[in-house]
Amino acid sequence: MPERLGLFGVAIAPVAAVWPWLTGTTGVAAPCPLRWLTGVPCPGCGLTTAAVALVHGDVLGAIRANPVILGLAVLALAVGPLLGLRALGVLPAPVAWSVRARRMAGRGVVLLALASWVFQLIRLGVG
């Protein structure tokens, strides 16, 4: 799971690097369906802004938009060396998580999403 999230972060970085140019020249945007329909932000609101800010070196702007991006960035930075060390045989292949570990991770993700949602509601002045 952390490796998959890290690879997702690696894939997002080049998109975030060109996103301002793409939206500026084409007018294409990625609106949040929940916010568009209800006016209420989702837990992931601000992640695109945060990713763009982080890729362009604005760490404080990224944190202001959505602090969750920092965790994704750490995983993205760690996944390359981790996969390389596994490919060289220095580290063993990942072991499947136990049912208990998956449940705990799932609960952690839910808590993180709730915290992110509260952050977004406060940041955007909703409620």
Protein backbone atom coordinates (compact mmCIF):
# COMPACT_ATOMS: atom_id res chain seq x y z
CA MET A 1 0.00 0.00 0.00
CA PRO A 2 2.62 2.66 0.86
CA GLU A 3 4.55 1.76 -2.30
CA ARG A 4 1.45 2.16 -4.44
CA LEU A 5 0.75 5.54 -2.91
CA GLY A 6 4.37 6.49 -3.48
CA LEU A 7 4.16 5.48 -7.13
CA PHE A 8 0.96 7.50 -7.41
CA GLY A 9 2.88 10.49 -6.05
CA VAL A 10 5.66 9.92 -8.57
CA ALA A 11 3.08 9.86 -11.37
CA ILE A 12 1.38 13.02 -10.11
CA ALA A 13 4.56 15.13 -9.98
CA PRO A 14 5.00 15.65 -13.75
CA VAL A 15 1.29 16.38 -14.12
CA ALA A 16 1.47 18.95 -11.31
CA ALA A 17 4.48 20.53 -13.00
CA VAL A 18 2.55 21.26 -16.21
CA TRP A 19 -0.94 21.72 -14.72
CA PRO A 20 -0.83 25.56 -14.54
CA TRP A 21 0.26 25.76 -18.18
CA LEU A 22 -2.38 23.23 -19.25
CA THR A 23 -5.24 24.97 -17.46
CA GLY A 24 -4.02 28.38 -18.57
CA THR A 25 -3.83 27.50 -22.25
CA THR A 26 -6.82 25.18 -22.59
CA GLY A 27 -9.18 26.30 -19.83
CA VAL A 28 -9.50 22.65 -18.76
CA ALA A 29 -9.91 22.23 -15.03
CA ALA A 30 -10.61 19.39 -12.60
CA PRO A 31 -13.47 20.55 -10.40
CA CYS A 32 -14.38 18.61 -7.26
CA PRO A 33 -17.77 16.98 -7.93
CA LEU A 34 -18.82 17.13 -4.26
CA ARG A 35 -17.96 20.81 -3.94
CA TRP A 36 -19.53 21.60 -7.32
CA LEU A 37 -22.80 19.87 -6.37
CA THR A 38 -23.08 20.81 -2.68
CA GLY A 39 -20.62 23.63 -2.00
CA VAL A 40 -18.99 21.42 0.63
CA PRO A 41 -15.33 20.54 0.07
CA CYS A 42 -14.19 16.93 0.12
CA PRO A 43 -11.23 15.67 2.19
CA GLY A 44 -9.07 15.80 -0.94
CA CYS A 45 -9.91 19.39 -1.80
CA GLY A 46 -6.77 21.38 -2.31
CA LEU A 47 -4.60 18.40 -3.28
CA THR A 48 -4.18 19.59 -6.87
CA THR A 49 -3.24 23.06 -5.65
CA ALA A 50 -0.93 21.54 -3.04
CA ALA A 51 0.78 19.28 -5.59
CA VAL A 52 1.34 22.18 -7.99
CA ALA A 53 2.71 24.36 -5.18
CA LEU A 54 5.02 21.61 -3.93
CA VAL A 55 6.40 20.78 -7.38
CA HIS A 56 7.15 24.48 -7.87
CA GLY A 57 8.95 24.71 -4.52
CA ASP A 58 6.22 26.46 -2.51
CA VAL A 59 6.14 24.15 0.53
CA LEU A 60 4.18 26.59 2.69
CA GLY A 61 1.58 27.07 -0.06
CA ALA A 62 1.28 23.29 -0.38
CA ILE A 63 0.72 22.90 3.35
CA ARG A 64 -1.88 25.68 3.32
CA ALA A 65 -3.78 24.02 0.49
CA ASN A 66 -3.74 20.47 1.92
CA PRO A 67 -1.11 19.17 4.37
CA VAL A 68 -1.79 15.58 3.29
CA ILE A 69 0.41 16.30 0.28
CA LEU A 70 3.50 16.12 2.50
CA GLY A 71 2.84 12.46 3.34
CA LEU A 72 2.33 11.67 -0.32
CA ALA A 73 5.55 13.52 -1.19
CA VAL A 74 7.54 11.57 1.42
CA LEU A 75 6.20 8.29 0.02
CA ALA A 76 7.00 9.45 -3.52
CA LEU A 77 10.58 10.27 -2.54
CA ALA A 78 11.02 6.97 -0.68
CA VAL A 79 9.53 4.63 -3.28
CA GLY A 80 12.36 4.93 -5.82
CA PRO A 81 15.20 3.92 -3.51
CA LEU A 82 13.01 1.28 -1.88
CA LEU A 83 12.13 -0.37 -5.19
CA GLY A 84 15.75 -0.09 -6.32
CA LEU A 85 17.02 -1.81 -3.18
CA ARG A 86 14.43 -4.54 -3.60
CA ALA A 87 15.43 -5.04 -7.25
CA LEU A 88 19.09 -5.39 -6.20
CA GLY A 89 18.16 -7.95 -3.56
CA VAL A 90 19.30 -5.74 -0.69
CA LEU A 91 15.79 -5.64 0.75
CA PRO A 92 13.30 -8.50 0.67
CA ALA A 93 10.06 -8.36 -1.29
CA PRO A 94 7.14 -6.86 0.60
CA VAL A 95 5.13 -9.16 2.80
CA ALA A 96 1.34 -9.04 2.60
CA TRP A 97 -0.20 -7.22 5.53
CA SER A 98 -2.21 -9.22 8.02
CA VAL A 99 -5.94 -8.70 8.27
CA ARG A 100 -5.39 -6.82 11.54
CA ALA A 101 -2.76 -4.56 9.96
CA ARG A 102 -5.05 -3.80 7.01
CA ARG A 103 -7.88 -2.91 9.38
CA MET A 104 -5.61 -0.63 11.39
CA ALA A 105 -4.33 1.03 8.21
CA GLY A 106 -7.91 1.46 7.00
CA ARG A 107 -8.87 3.12 10.27
CA GLY A 108 -5.85 5.37 10.00
CA VAL A 109 -6.85 6.40 6.48
CA VAL A 110 -10.39 7.16 7.65
CA LEU A 111 -9.04 9.29 10.52
CA LEU A 112 -6.68 11.09 8.14
CA ALA A 113 -9.55 11.74 5.71
CA LEU A 114 -11.72 13.09 8.53
CA ALA A 115 -8.91 15.35 9.75
CA SER A 116 -8.33 16.56 6.19
CA TRP A 117 -12.04 17.24 5.78
CA VAL A 118 -12.19 19.30 8.98
CA PHE A 119 -9.11 21.20 7.79
CA GLN A 120 -10.78 21.94 4.43
CA LEU A 121 -14.05 23.01 6.06
CA ILE A 122 -12.16 25.45 8.30
CA ARG A 123 -9.84 26.63 5.51
CA LEU A 124 -12.72 27.36 3.16
CA GLY A 125 -15.02 28.74 5.85
CA VAL A 126 -17.80 26.19 5.38
CA GLY A 127 -20.10 25.41 8.28
